[in-house]
Amino acid sequence: MNEDEKITAFRELVKSIKENSKYLSEDFDPDTELEKGKKKNIQK
């Protein structure tokens, strides 16, 4: 992967993060959500 491809990939990643952030609450904590999901799977 050359430098231009790396830069393009990084810009696309940043764009995706910004786009996805629109759908999450301000206080969203991915670590907390992950732990909740793990607990739900264990209880099943």
PDB file of N, CA and C in Angstrom:
ATOM      1  N   MET A   1       0.863  -1.172   0.000  1.00  0.00           N
ATOM      2  CA  MET A   1       0.000   0.000   0.000  1.00  0.00           C
ATOM      3  C   MET A   1       0.908   1.233   0.000  1.00  0.00           C
ATOM      4  N   ASN A   2       0.722   2.094  -0.986  1.00  0.00           N
ATOM      5  CA  ASN A   2       1.566   3.292  -1.038  1.00  0.00           C
ATOM      6  C   ASN A   2       0.987   4.399  -0.150  1.00  0.00           C
ATOM      7  N   GLU A   3       1.715   5.482  -0.022  1.00  0.00           N
ATOM      8  CA  GLU A   3       1.314   6.571   0.887  1.00  0.00           C
ATOM      9  C   GLU A   3      -0.034   7.178   0.517  1.00  0.00           C
ATOM     10  N   ASP A   4      -0.298   7.362  -0.774  1.00  0.00           N
ATOM     11  CA  ASP A   4      -1.581   7.936  -1.187  1.00  0.00           C
ATOM     12  C   ASP A   4      -2.746   7.039  -0.775  1.00  0.00           C
ATOM     13  N   GLU A   5      -2.572   5.733  -0.914  1.00  0.00           N
ATOM     14  CA  GLU A   5      -3.619   4.792  -0.520  1.00  0.00           C
ATOM     15  C   GLU A   5      -3.836   4.823   0.990  1.00  0.00           C
ATOM     16  N   LYS A   6      -2.758   4.954   1.736  1.00  0.00           N
ATOM     17  CA  LYS A   6      -2.863   5.023   3.194  1.00  0.00           C
ATOM     18  C   LYS A   6      -3.611   6.279   3.622  1.00  0.00           C
ATOM     19  N   ILE A   7      -3.282   7.394   2.995  1.00  0.00           N
ATOM     20  CA  ILE A   7      -3.938   8.663   3.324  1.00  0.00           C
ATOM     21  C   ILE A   7      -5.419   8.589   2.974  1.00  0.00           C
ATOM     22  N   THR A   8      -5.726   8.032   1.810  1.00  0.00           N
ATOM     23  CA  THR A   8      -7.118   7.894   1.391  1.00  0.00           C
ATOM     24  C   THR A   8      -7.884   7.001   2.356  1.00  0.00           C
ATOM     25  N   ALA A   9      -7.288   5.890   2.745  1.00  0.00           N
ATOM     26  CA  ALA A   9      -7.940   4.974   3.687  1.00  0.00           C
ATOM     27  C   ALA A   9      -8.185   5.661   5.024  1.00  0.00           C
ATOM     28  N   PHE A  10      -7.214   6.436   5.489  1.00  0.00           N
ATOM     29  CA  PHE A  10      -7.370   7.145   6.758  1.00  0.00           C
ATOM     30  C   PHE A  10      -8.493   8.168   6.668  1.00  0.00           C
ATOM     31  N   ARG A  11      -8.551   8.901   5.584  1.00  0.00           N
ATOM     32  CA  ARG A  11      -9.616   9.900   5.414  1.00  0.00           C
ATOM     33  C   ARG A  11     -10.987   9.231   5.374  1.00  0.00           C
ATOM     34  N   GLU A  12     -11.080   8.081   4.718  1.00  0.00           N
ATOM     35  CA  GLU A  12     -12.347   7.349   4.676  1.00  0.00           C
ATOM     36  C   GLU A  12     -12.738   6.856   6.070  1.00  0.00           C
ATOM     37  N   LEU A  13     -11.755   6.435   6.844  1.00  0.00           N
ATOM     38  CA  LEU A  13     -12.009   5.997   8.218  1.00  0.00           C
ATOM     39  C   LEU A  13     -12.558   7.149   9.055  1.00  0.00           C
ATOM     40  N   VAL A  14     -11.930   8.306   8.966  1.00  0.00           N
ATOM     41  CA  VAL A  14     -12.382   9.483   9.718  1.00  0.00           C
ATOM     42  C   VAL A  14     -13.800   9.859   9.299  1.00  0.00           C
ATOM     43  N   LYS A  15     -14.061   9.822   8.010  1.00  0.00           N
ATOM     44  CA  LYS A  15     -15.397  10.144   7.500  1.00  0.00           C
ATOM     45  C   LYS A  15     -16.431   9.161   8.047  1.00  0.00           C
ATOM     46  N   SER A  16     -16.092   7.883   8.071  1.00  0.00           N
ATOM     47  CA  SER A  16     -17.003   6.861   8.594  1.00  0.00           C
ATOM     48  C   SER A  16     -17.273   7.061  10.076  1.00  0.00           C
ATOM     49  N   ILE A  17     -16.243   7.388  10.827  1.00  0.00           N
ATOM     50  CA  ILE A  17     -16.411   7.624  12.266  1.00  0.00           C
ATOM     51  C   ILE A  17     -17.353   8.799  12.499  1.00  0.00           C
ATOM     52  N   LYS A  18     -17.166   9.870  11.757  1.00  0.00           N
ATOM     53  CA  LYS A  18     -18.039  11.041  11.909  1.00  0.00           C
ATOM     54  C   LYS A  18     -19.475  10.695  11.540  1.00  0.00           C
ATOM     55  N   GLU A  19     -19.651   9.940  10.459  1.00  0.00           N
ATOM     56  CA  GLU A  19     -20.986   9.548  10.012  1.00  0.00           C
ATOM     57  C   GLU A  19     -21.671   8.677  11.063  1.00  0.00           C
ATOM     58  N   ASN A  20     -20.958   7.707  11.596  1.00  0.00           N
ATOM     59  CA  ASN A  20     -21.535   6.805  12.597  1.00  0.00           C
ATOM     60  C   ASN A  20     -21.820   7.517  13.906  1.00  0.00           C
ATOM     61  N   SER A  21     -21.063   8.534  14.225  1.00  0.00           N
ATOM     62  CA  SER A  21     -21.254   9.271  15.476  1.00  0.00           C
ATOM     63  C   SER A  21     -22.611   9.960  15.527  1.00  0.00           C
ATOM     64  N   LYS A  22     -23.192  10.241  14.379  1.00  0.00           N
ATOM     65  CA  LYS A  22     -24.503  10.889  14.334  1.00  0.00           C
ATOM     66  C   LYS A  22     -25.566  10.026  15.003  1.00  0.00           C
ATOM     67  N   TYR A  23     -25.363   8.728  14.979  1.00  0.00           N
ATOM     68  CA  TYR A  23     -26.375   7.795  15.459  1.00  0.00           C
ATOM     69  C   TYR A  23     -26.165   7.364  16.909  1.00  0.00           C
ATOM     70  N   LEU A  24     -25.138   7.874  17.545  1.00  0.00           N
ATOM     71  CA  LEU A  24     -24.839   7.507  18.926  1.00  0.00           C
ATOM     72  C   LEU A  24     -25.127   8.681  19.851  1.00  0.00           C
ATOM     73  N   SER A  25     -25.519   8.362  21.073  1.00  0.00           N
ATOM     74  CA  SER A  25     -25.774   9.428  22.038  1.00  0.00           C
ATOM     75  C   SER A  25     -24.455  10.082  22.442  1.00  0.00           C
ATOM     76  N   GLU A  26     -24.559  11.280  22.991  1.00  0.00           N
ATOM     77  CA  GLU A  26     -23.367  12.038  23.393  1.00  0.00           C
ATOM     78  C   GLU A  26     -22.534  11.293  24.431  1.00  0.00           C
ATOM     79  N   ASP A  27     -23.218  10.565  25.313  1.00  0.00           N
ATOM     80  CA  ASP A  27     -22.510   9.889  26.397  1.00  0.00           C
ATOM     81  C   ASP A  27     -22.221   8.413  26.091  1.00  0.00           C
ATOM     82  N   PHE A  28     -22.248   8.044  24.829  1.00  0.00           N
ATOM     83  CA  PHE A  28     -21.997   6.656  24.433  1.00  0.00           C
ATOM     84  C   PHE A  28     -20.587   6.241  24.829  1.00  0.00           C
ATOM     85  N   ASP A  29     -20.507   5.100  25.509  1.00  0.00           N
ATOM     86  CA  ASP A  29     -19.219   4.555  25.928  1.00  0.00           C
ATOM     87  C   ASP A  29     -19.114   3.133  25.373  1.00  0.00           C
ATOM     88  N   PRO A  30     -18.295   2.928  24.356  1.00  0.00           N
ATOM     89  CA  PRO A  30     -18.225   1.604  23.734  1.00  0.00           C
ATOM     90  C   PRO A  30     -17.789   0.507  24.701  1.00  0.00           C
ATOM     91  N   ASP A  31     -16.923   0.820  25.641  1.00  0.00           N
ATOM     92  CA  ASP A  31     -16.475  -0.193  26.599  1.00  0.00           C
ATOM     93  C   ASP A  31     -17.626  -0.656  27.490  1.00  0.00           C
ATOM     94  N   THR A  32     -18.433   0.289  27.944  1.00  0.00           N
ATOM     95  CA  THR A  32     -19.590  -0.047  28.774  1.00  0.00           C
ATOM     96  C   THR A  32     -20.585  -0.891  27.984  1.00  0.00           C
ATOM     97  N   GLU A  33     -20.842  -0.501  26.751  1.00  0.00           N
ATOM     98  CA  GLU A  33     -21.777  -1.248  25.910  1.00  0.00           C
ATOM     99  C   GLU A  33     -21.269  -2.661  25.635  1.00  0.00           C
ATOM    100  N   LEU A  34     -19.977  -2.804  25.447  1.00  0.00           N
ATOM    101  CA  LEU A  34     -19.379  -4.118  25.222  1.00  0.00           C
ATOM    102  C   LEU A  34     -19.578  -5.013  26.439  1.00  0.00           C
ATOM    103  N   GLU A  35     -19.347  -4.456  27.623  1.00  0.00           N
ATOM    104  CA  GLU A  35     -19.528  -5.229  28.853  1.00  0.00           C
ATOM    105  C   GLU A  35     -20.987  -5.653  29.024  1.00  0.00           C
ATOM    106  N   LYS A  36     -21.926  -4.748  28.716  1.00  0.00           N
ATOM    107  CA  LYS A  36     -23.349  -5.090  28.804  1.00  0.00           C
ATOM    108  C   LYS A  36     -23.676  -6.245  27.859  1.00  0.00           C
ATOM    109  N   GLY A  37     -23.141  -6.174  26.647  1.00  0.00           N
ATOM    110  CA  GLY A  37     -23.376  -7.234  25.670  1.00  0.00           C
ATOM    111  C   GLY A  37     -22.806  -8.566  26.111  1.00  0.00           C
ATOM    112  N   LYS A  38     -21.642  -8.539  26.702  1.00  0.00           N
ATOM    113  CA  LYS A  38     -21.026  -9.777  27.199  1.00  0.00           C
ATOM    114  C   LYS A  38     -21.885 -10.403  28.287  1.00  0.00           C
ATOM    115  N   LYS A  39     -22.390  -9.565  29.201  1.00  0.00           N
ATOM    116  CA  LYS A  39     -23.222 -10.066  30.296  1.00  0.00           C
ATOM    117  C   LYS A  39     -24.512 -10.683  29.766  1.00  0.00           C
ATOM    118  N   LYS A  40     -25.112 -10.058  28.747  1.00  0.00           N
ATOM    119  CA  LYS A  40     -26.339 -10.593  28.157  1.00  0.00           C
ATOM    120  C   LYS A  40     -26.080 -11.956  27.528  1.00  0.00           C
ATOM    121  N   ASN A  41     -24.960 -12.097  26.836  1.00  0.00           N
ATOM    122  CA  ASN A  41     -24.635 -13.371  26.187  1.00  0.00           C
ATOM    123  C   ASN A  41     -24.369 -14.468  27.206  1.00  0.00           C
ATOM    124  N   ILE A  42     -23.780 -14.114  28.324  1.00  0.00           N
ATOM    125  CA  ILE A  42     -23.487 -15.100  29.365  1.00  0.00           C
ATOM    126  C   ILE A  42     -24.790 -15.594  29.998  1.00  0.00           C
ATOM    127  N   GLN A  43     -25.757 -14.691  30.152  1.00  0.00           N
ATOM    128  CA  GLN A  43     -27.019 -15.038  30.808  1.00  0.00           C
ATOM    129  C   GLN A  43     -27.902 -15.925  29.937  1.00  0.00           C
ATOM    130  N   LYS A  44     -27.688 -15.972  28.650  1.00  0.00           N
ATOM    131  CA  LYS A  44     -28.543 -16.757  27.738  1.00  0.00           C
ATOM    132  C   LYS A  44     -28.322 -18.230  27.893  1.00  0.00           C
TER     133      LYS A  44
END
